[in-house]
Amino acid sequence: MTSSQEQIIAFCCRHSARRAADRAALEGLALPGTVRLVNVPCSGRISMELILKALEDGAPGVLVLGCHPGACHHLYGSDRARERVTAVRQRLQEAGLNPARVAFASLGPDNAADLARILADFVESSWVLTPLASEP
C-alpha cells in the first residue's frame, strides 16, 4: 500500500464520477490502488488552491472528474472545474513544472469502464513523476 502522500488525488463529482466508481465496484472492475478518490458535491467546487495544495502535500498528480458538458447538476460546475484545471496547468508551466500533473476528465454516472480507463491512463502518465517538492 502506498502512503497518502504518494497517491494521486482524484476529486470525484458525486453525480458522475462517484457513481461511476460505485458502479465499477458492483461490476468488479479494478480501480488503481495508487489513486485516492475524494468525493465532492460538484467538481466546480474544486478551487485552484485545493489542487495546488494536494500537489504541495506530495500527491504526484491531481485529476478532477466531473460531469459531461451540459449534464452538470449544478449547471456550470464542470465548466468551471475545467477552466480551473487549465489555469493550474498554465501556472505549473510558467513555474517550470510539469503541467501533466493535473488533468480534467468528464464522464457519466454509468461510465464505470471509462472511469477505470481514465484512472489507469492518468496513473500511467503521472505516477512516474516525483512529488512536486522534488522538481526545480
N, C-alpha and C. Protein backbone atom coordinates (compact mmCIF):
# COMPACT_ATOMS: atom_id res chain seq x y z
N MET A 1 0.85 -1.19 0.00
CA MET A 1 0.00 0.00 0.00
C MET A 1 0.88 1.24 0.00
N THR A 2 0.49 2.24 -0.73
CA THR A 2 1.25 3.47 -0.80
C THR A 2 0.77 4.43 0.26
N SER A 3 1.64 5.33 0.68
CA SER A 3 1.22 6.34 1.66
C SER A 3 0.36 7.37 0.97
N SER A 4 -0.42 8.11 1.76
CA SER A 4 -1.33 9.10 1.17
C SER A 4 -0.55 10.17 0.42
N GLN A 5 0.70 10.44 0.81
CA GLN A 5 1.50 11.43 0.11
C GLN A 5 1.89 10.96 -1.28
N GLU A 6 1.85 9.67 -1.53
CA GLU A 6 2.25 9.13 -2.83
C GLU A 6 1.06 8.83 -3.71
N GLN A 7 -0.13 9.02 -3.22
CA GLN A 7 -1.31 8.70 -4.01
C GLN A 7 -1.73 9.87 -4.89
N ILE A 8 -2.12 9.55 -6.09
CA ILE A 8 -2.74 10.53 -6.96
C ILE A 8 -4.10 10.85 -6.38
N ILE A 9 -4.47 12.10 -6.37
CA ILE A 9 -5.76 12.52 -5.86
C ILE A 9 -6.72 12.69 -7.03
N ALA A 10 -7.88 12.07 -6.93
CA ALA A 10 -8.94 12.23 -7.94
C ALA A 10 -10.17 12.80 -7.25
N PHE A 11 -10.46 14.07 -7.52
CA PHE A 11 -11.66 14.70 -6.97
C PHE A 11 -12.83 14.26 -7.85
N CYS A 12 -13.83 13.62 -7.24
CA CYS A 12 -14.93 12.99 -7.97
C CYS A 12 -16.26 13.66 -7.68
N CYS A 13 -16.89 14.18 -8.71
CA CYS A 13 -18.24 14.72 -8.59
C CYS A 13 -19.17 13.60 -8.13
N ARG A 14 -20.00 13.89 -7.14
CA ARG A 14 -20.88 12.84 -6.61
C ARG A 14 -21.97 12.43 -7.61
N HIS A 15 -22.23 13.27 -8.59
CA HIS A 15 -23.29 12.98 -9.55
C HIS A 15 -22.78 12.19 -10.76
N SER A 16 -21.48 12.13 -10.95
CA SER A 16 -20.95 11.42 -12.12
C SER A 16 -19.85 10.44 -11.71
N ALA A 17 -18.68 10.93 -11.43
CA ALA A 17 -17.53 10.06 -11.17
C ALA A 17 -17.74 9.17 -9.95
N ARG A 18 -18.33 9.70 -8.89
CA ARG A 18 -18.55 8.88 -7.70
C ARG A 18 -19.50 7.73 -8.01
N ARG A 19 -20.54 8.03 -8.77
CA ARG A 19 -21.49 6.98 -9.14
C ARG A 19 -20.84 5.97 -10.09
N ALA A 20 -19.99 6.45 -10.96
CA ALA A 20 -19.26 5.55 -11.85
C ALA A 20 -18.33 4.64 -11.03
N ALA A 21 -17.72 5.18 -9.98
CA ALA A 21 -16.86 4.37 -9.11
C ALA A 21 -17.67 3.31 -8.37
N ASP A 22 -18.86 3.69 -7.90
CA ASP A 22 -19.73 2.71 -7.25
C ASP A 22 -20.13 1.61 -8.22
N ARG A 23 -20.44 1.98 -9.44
CA ARG A 23 -20.81 1.00 -10.46
C ARG A 23 -19.61 0.09 -10.78
N ALA A 24 -18.42 0.68 -10.83
CA ALA A 24 -17.22 -0.13 -11.09
C ALA A 24 -17.06 -1.20 -10.02
N ALA A 25 -17.30 -0.82 -8.77
CA ALA A 25 -17.20 -1.79 -7.68
C ALA A 25 -18.23 -2.91 -7.85
N LEU A 26 -19.45 -2.54 -8.21
CA LEU A 26 -20.50 -3.54 -8.42
C LEU A 26 -20.18 -4.47 -9.58
N GLU A 27 -19.53 -3.93 -10.59
CA GLU A 27 -19.18 -4.73 -11.77
C GLU A 27 -17.86 -5.47 -11.61
N GLY A 28 -17.20 -5.28 -10.48
CA GLY A 28 -15.94 -5.97 -10.24
C GLY A 28 -14.76 -5.40 -11.01
N LEU A 29 -14.88 -4.16 -11.47
CA LEU A 29 -13.77 -3.53 -12.19
C LEU A 29 -12.74 -3.03 -11.18
N ALA A 30 -11.50 -3.30 -11.45
CA ALA A 30 -10.43 -2.86 -10.55
C ALA A 30 -10.05 -1.42 -10.88
N LEU A 31 -10.00 -0.60 -9.85
CA LEU A 31 -9.51 0.77 -9.99
C LEU A 31 -8.11 0.81 -9.39
N PRO A 32 -7.23 1.63 -9.92
CA PRO A 32 -5.85 1.66 -9.41
C PRO A 32 -5.79 1.99 -7.92
N GLY A 33 -5.02 1.22 -7.19
CA GLY A 33 -4.85 1.46 -5.76
C GLY A 33 -3.98 2.67 -5.47
N THR A 34 -3.35 3.20 -6.49
CA THR A 34 -2.49 4.38 -6.31
C THR A 34 -3.28 5.68 -6.44
N VAL A 35 -4.61 5.56 -6.56
CA VAL A 35 -5.46 6.73 -6.69
C VAL A 35 -6.37 6.82 -5.47
N ARG A 36 -6.41 7.99 -4.87
CA ARG A 36 -7.33 8.24 -3.75
C ARG A 36 -8.52 9.03 -4.28
N LEU A 37 -9.71 8.43 -4.25
CA LEU A 37 -10.92 9.09 -4.70
C LEU A 37 -11.45 9.98 -3.59
N VAL A 38 -11.66 11.24 -3.90
CA VAL A 38 -12.18 12.21 -2.93
C VAL A 38 -13.51 12.71 -3.46
N ASN A 39 -14.58 12.42 -2.73
CA ASN A 39 -15.92 12.81 -3.16
C ASN A 39 -16.14 14.29 -2.91
N VAL A 40 -16.74 14.96 -3.90
CA VAL A 40 -17.10 16.37 -3.76
C VAL A 40 -18.53 16.54 -4.29
N PRO A 41 -19.26 17.53 -3.77
CA PRO A 41 -20.64 17.74 -4.24
C PRO A 41 -20.70 18.07 -5.73
N CYS A 42 -19.69 18.76 -6.22
CA CYS A 42 -19.64 19.17 -7.63
C CYS A 42 -18.18 19.47 -7.95
N SER A 43 -17.73 19.08 -9.13
CA SER A 43 -16.34 19.36 -9.49
C SER A 43 -16.07 20.86 -9.54
N GLY A 44 -17.10 21.66 -9.75
CA GLY A 44 -16.95 23.11 -9.76
C GLY A 44 -16.57 23.69 -8.42
N ARG A 45 -16.67 22.91 -7.36
CA ARG A 45 -16.28 23.36 -6.02
C ARG A 45 -14.77 23.24 -5.78
N ILE A 46 -14.07 22.60 -6.70
CA ILE A 46 -12.62 22.42 -6.54
C ILE A 46 -11.91 23.70 -6.96
N SER A 47 -11.23 24.30 -6.01
CA SER A 47 -10.51 25.55 -6.28
C SER A 47 -9.10 25.27 -6.79
N MET A 48 -8.53 26.27 -7.40
CA MET A 48 -7.14 26.17 -7.83
C MET A 48 -6.25 25.92 -6.61
N GLU A 49 -6.57 26.58 -5.51
CA GLU A 49 -5.76 26.43 -4.30
C GLU A 49 -5.78 25.00 -3.78
N LEU A 50 -6.94 24.35 -3.85
CA LEU A 50 -7.05 22.97 -3.38
C LEU A 50 -6.21 22.02 -4.25
N ILE A 51 -6.23 22.24 -5.55
CA ILE A 51 -5.42 21.43 -6.46
C ILE A 51 -3.94 21.61 -6.15
N LEU A 52 -3.52 22.86 -6.01
CA LEU A 52 -2.11 23.15 -5.72
C LEU A 52 -1.71 22.60 -4.35
N LYS A 53 -2.61 22.67 -3.37
CA LYS A 53 -2.33 22.16 -2.02
C LYS A 53 -2.09 20.65 -2.07
N ALA A 54 -2.89 19.94 -2.86
CA ALA A 54 -2.70 18.49 -2.99
C ALA A 54 -1.32 18.17 -3.54
N LEU A 55 -0.88 18.95 -4.53
CA LEU A 55 0.46 18.75 -5.09
C LEU A 55 1.54 19.10 -4.06
N GLU A 56 1.35 20.21 -3.36
CA GLU A 56 2.32 20.62 -2.34
C GLU A 56 2.42 19.58 -1.23
N ASP A 57 1.32 18.91 -0.94
CA ASP A 57 1.30 17.90 0.12
C ASP A 57 1.88 16.56 -0.33
N GLY A 58 2.33 16.47 -1.59
CA GLY A 58 3.03 15.28 -2.03
C GLY A 58 2.32 14.42 -3.06
N ALA A 59 1.11 14.76 -3.44
CA ALA A 59 0.45 13.97 -4.49
C ALA A 59 1.21 14.16 -5.80
N PRO A 60 1.56 13.08 -6.49
CA PRO A 60 2.27 13.23 -7.76
C PRO A 60 1.38 13.76 -8.87
N GLY A 61 0.07 13.69 -8.69
CA GLY A 61 -0.85 14.19 -9.69
C GLY A 61 -2.23 14.41 -9.10
N VAL A 62 -3.01 15.26 -9.77
CA VAL A 62 -4.39 15.54 -9.35
C VAL A 62 -5.28 15.45 -10.58
N LEU A 63 -6.33 14.68 -10.45
CA LEU A 63 -7.31 14.52 -11.51
C LEU A 63 -8.65 15.02 -10.99
N VAL A 64 -9.30 15.88 -11.76
CA VAL A 64 -10.63 16.37 -11.41
C VAL A 64 -11.61 15.72 -12.37
N LEU A 65 -12.58 15.00 -11.81
CA LEU A 65 -13.55 14.26 -12.61
C LEU A 65 -14.93 14.86 -12.44
N GLY A 66 -15.50 15.34 -13.53
CA GLY A 66 -16.80 15.99 -13.48
C GLY A 66 -17.77 15.43 -14.49
N CYS A 67 -18.92 16.06 -14.54
CA CYS A 67 -19.99 15.67 -15.47
C CYS A 67 -19.62 16.05 -16.90
N HIS A 68 -20.29 15.41 -17.83
CA HIS A 68 -20.15 15.77 -19.24
C HIS A 68 -20.65 17.20 -19.45
N PRO A 69 -20.11 17.91 -20.44
CA PRO A 69 -20.60 19.26 -20.75
C PRO A 69 -22.12 19.23 -20.98
N GLY A 70 -22.81 20.16 -20.34
CA GLY A 70 -24.25 20.25 -20.46
C GLY A 70 -25.02 19.31 -19.56
N ALA A 71 -24.33 18.45 -18.81
CA ALA A 71 -25.01 17.48 -17.94
C ALA A 71 -24.80 17.76 -16.46
N CYS A 72 -24.16 18.87 -16.13
CA CYS A 72 -23.85 19.18 -14.73
C CYS A 72 -25.13 19.50 -13.96
N HIS A 73 -25.31 18.86 -12.82
CA HIS A 73 -26.47 19.11 -11.97
C HIS A 73 -26.46 20.53 -11.40
N HIS A 74 -25.29 21.12 -11.36
CA HIS A 74 -25.16 22.49 -10.86
C HIS A 74 -24.93 23.46 -12.02
N LEU A 75 -25.37 23.07 -13.18
CA LEU A 75 -25.33 23.84 -14.43
C LEU A 75 -23.94 24.02 -15.01
N TYR A 76 -23.07 24.78 -14.34
CA TYR A 76 -21.77 25.12 -14.93
C TYR A 76 -20.58 24.63 -14.12
N GLY A 77 -20.82 23.78 -13.14
CA GLY A 77 -19.74 23.32 -12.28
C GLY A 77 -18.62 22.63 -13.05
N SER A 78 -18.98 21.78 -13.96
CA SER A 78 -17.99 21.05 -14.73
C SER A 78 -17.17 22.01 -15.61
N ASP A 79 -17.85 23.01 -16.18
CA ASP A 79 -17.15 24.02 -16.98
C ASP A 79 -16.15 24.80 -16.12
N ARG A 80 -16.57 25.16 -14.92
CA ARG A 80 -15.68 25.90 -14.01
C ARG A 80 -14.48 25.05 -13.62
N ALA A 81 -14.74 23.78 -13.35
CA ALA A 81 -13.64 22.88 -12.98
C ALA A 81 -12.63 22.77 -14.11
N ARG A 82 -13.11 22.62 -15.32
CA ARG A 82 -12.22 22.51 -16.48
C ARG A 82 -11.38 23.78 -16.62
N GLU A 83 -12.00 24.94 -16.44
CA GLU A 83 -11.27 26.22 -16.53
C GLU A 83 -10.21 26.33 -15.44
N ARG A 84 -10.54 25.89 -14.24
CA ARG A 84 -9.57 25.96 -13.13
C ARG A 84 -8.40 25.02 -13.36
N VAL A 85 -8.69 23.85 -13.86
CA VAL A 85 -7.61 22.90 -14.17
C VAL A 85 -6.69 23.49 -15.24
N THR A 86 -7.27 24.10 -16.25
CA THR A 86 -6.47 24.74 -17.30
C THR A 86 -5.60 25.84 -16.71
N ALA A 87 -6.16 26.64 -15.80
CA ALA A 87 -5.39 27.72 -15.17
C ALA A 87 -4.25 27.17 -14.31
N VAL A 88 -4.51 26.09 -13.58
CA VAL A 88 -3.45 25.48 -12.76
C VAL A 88 -2.36 24.93 -13.66
N ARG A 89 -2.73 24.29 -14.74
CA ARG A 89 -1.73 23.76 -15.68
C ARG A 89 -0.86 24.89 -16.23
N GLN A 90 -1.47 26.04 -16.53
CA GLN A 90 -0.71 27.18 -17.03
C GLN A 90 0.26 27.69 -15.96
N ARG A 91 -0.21 27.74 -14.72
CA ARG A 91 0.68 28.19 -13.62
C ARG A 91 1.86 27.24 -13.45
N LEU A 92 1.58 25.95 -13.50
CA LEU A 92 2.67 24.98 -13.38
C LEU A 92 3.67 25.15 -14.51
N GLN A 93 3.17 25.32 -15.72
CA GLN A 93 4.04 25.52 -16.89
C GLN A 93 4.90 26.77 -16.70
N GLU A 94 4.28 27.87 -16.27
CA GLU A 94 5.01 29.12 -16.06
C GLU A 94 6.08 28.99 -14.98
N ALA A 95 5.83 28.11 -14.01
CA ALA A 95 6.79 27.89 -12.93
C ALA A 95 7.85 26.86 -13.31
N GLY A 96 7.79 26.36 -14.54
CA GLY A 96 8.77 25.37 -14.98
C GLY A 96 8.48 23.97 -14.49
N LEU A 97 7.24 23.72 -14.07
CA LEU A 97 6.84 22.41 -13.58
C LEU A 97 5.99 21.70 -14.63
N ASN A 98 5.89 20.41 -14.51
CA ASN A 98 5.18 19.61 -15.49
C ASN A 98 3.67 19.77 -15.35
N PRO A 99 2.99 20.37 -16.35
CA PRO A 99 1.54 20.56 -16.26
C PRO A 99 0.75 19.26 -16.36
N ALA A 100 1.39 18.18 -16.78
CA ALA A 100 0.70 16.89 -16.89
C ALA A 100 0.32 16.34 -15.53
N ARG A 101 0.78 16.97 -14.47
CA ARG A 101 0.43 16.54 -13.12
C ARG A 101 -1.05 16.75 -12.82
N VAL A 102 -1.70 17.61 -13.59
CA VAL A 102 -3.10 17.97 -13.32
C VAL A 102 -3.91 17.77 -14.58
N ALA A 103 -5.09 17.17 -14.43
CA ALA A 103 -5.95 16.94 -15.60
C ALA A 103 -7.42 16.97 -15.19
N PHE A 104 -8.26 17.18 -16.19
CA PHE A 104 -9.71 17.14 -16.01
C PHE A 104 -10.26 16.11 -16.98
N ALA A 105 -11.26 15.37 -16.54
CA ALA A 105 -11.97 14.45 -17.43
C ALA A 105 -13.45 14.46 -17.05
N SER A 106 -14.28 14.27 -18.05
CA SER A 106 -15.71 14.21 -17.79
C SER A 106 -16.23 12.81 -18.11
N LEU A 107 -17.23 12.41 -17.36
CA LEU A 107 -17.85 11.12 -17.60
C LEU A 107 -19.23 11.10 -16.96
N GLY A 108 -20.02 10.14 -17.36
CA GLY A 108 -21.36 9.99 -16.82
C GLY A 108 -21.38 8.97 -15.69
N PRO A 109 -22.48 8.91 -14.95
CA PRO A 109 -22.56 8.01 -13.80
C PRO A 109 -22.54 6.53 -14.17
N ASP A 110 -22.87 6.21 -15.41
CA ASP A 110 -22.89 4.81 -15.84
C ASP A 110 -21.59 4.39 -16.53
N ASN A 111 -20.60 5.27 -16.54
CA ASN A 111 -19.36 5.01 -17.28
C ASN A 111 -18.27 4.39 -16.41
N ALA A 112 -18.57 3.26 -15.79
CA ALA A 112 -17.61 2.59 -14.92
C ALA A 112 -16.34 2.20 -15.67
N ALA A 113 -16.49 1.62 -16.84
CA ALA A 113 -15.32 1.20 -17.62
C ALA A 113 -14.50 2.41 -18.05
N ASP A 114 -15.18 3.50 -18.40
CA ASP A 114 -14.46 4.73 -18.77
C ASP A 114 -13.67 5.26 -17.58
N LEU A 115 -14.28 5.22 -16.39
CA LEU A 115 -13.58 5.68 -15.19
C LEU A 115 -12.32 4.86 -14.97
N ALA A 116 -12.44 3.55 -15.05
CA ALA A 116 -11.27 2.68 -14.85
C ALA A 116 -10.17 3.02 -15.85
N ARG A 117 -10.56 3.26 -17.11
CA ARG A 117 -9.57 3.60 -18.15
C ARG A 117 -8.95 4.96 -17.90
N ILE A 118 -9.77 5.96 -17.55
CA ILE A 118 -9.26 7.31 -17.28
C ILE A 118 -8.26 7.28 -16.13
N LEU A 119 -8.61 6.58 -15.06
CA LEU A 119 -7.70 6.50 -13.91
C LEU A 119 -6.41 5.77 -14.28
N ALA A 120 -6.53 4.65 -14.98
CA ALA A 120 -5.34 3.88 -15.37
C ALA A 120 -4.44 4.70 -16.29
N ASP A 121 -5.04 5.40 -17.25
CA ASP A 121 -4.24 6.24 -18.16
C ASP A 121 -3.53 7.35 -17.41
N PHE A 122 -4.22 7.98 -16.46
CA PHE A 122 -3.61 9.07 -15.71
C PHE A 122 -2.49 8.55 -14.82
N VAL A 123 -2.72 7.42 -14.18
CA VAL A 123 -1.68 6.81 -13.35
C VAL A 123 -0.46 6.50 -14.21
N GLU A 124 -0.69 5.94 -15.36
CA GLU A 124 0.42 5.58 -16.25
C GLU A 124 1.21 6.81 -16.67
N SER A 125 0.52 7.92 -16.90
CA SER A 125 1.21 9.12 -17.37
C SER A 125 1.83 9.93 -16.24
N SER A 126 1.31 9.83 -15.03
CA SER A 126 1.80 10.71 -13.97
C SER A 126 2.47 10.00 -12.81
N TRP A 127 2.25 8.73 -12.65
CA TRP A 127 2.79 8.05 -11.48
C TRP A 127 4.31 8.07 -11.46
N VAL A 128 4.93 8.11 -12.62
CA VAL A 128 6.38 8.14 -12.68
C VAL A 128 6.93 9.49 -12.24
N LEU A 129 6.06 10.48 -12.17
CA LEU A 129 6.52 11.80 -11.74
C LEU A 129 6.83 11.78 -10.25
N THR A 130 7.84 12.50 -9.89
CA THR A 130 8.18 12.62 -8.48
C THR A 130 7.28 13.66 -7.84
N PRO A 131 7.20 13.70 -6.51
CA PRO A 131 6.40 14.74 -5.87
C PRO A 131 6.87 16.13 -6.29
N LEU A 132 5.96 17.06 -6.25
CA LEU A 132 6.22 18.44 -6.68
C LEU A 132 7.45 19.03 -6.00
N ALA A 133 7.65 18.72 -4.75
CA ALA A 133 8.77 19.28 -3.99
C ALA A 133 10.12 18.92 -4.60
N SER A 134 10.20 17.83 -5.39
CA SER A 134 11.49 17.46 -5.96
C SER A 134 11.77 18.07 -7.31
N GLU A 135 10.79 18.78 -7.89
CA GLU A 135 11.05 19.48 -9.15
C GLU A 135 11.76 20.79 -8.84
N PRO A 136 12.51 21.32 -9.84
CA PRO A 136 13.26 22.57 -9.60
C PRO A 136 12.37 23.74 -9.26
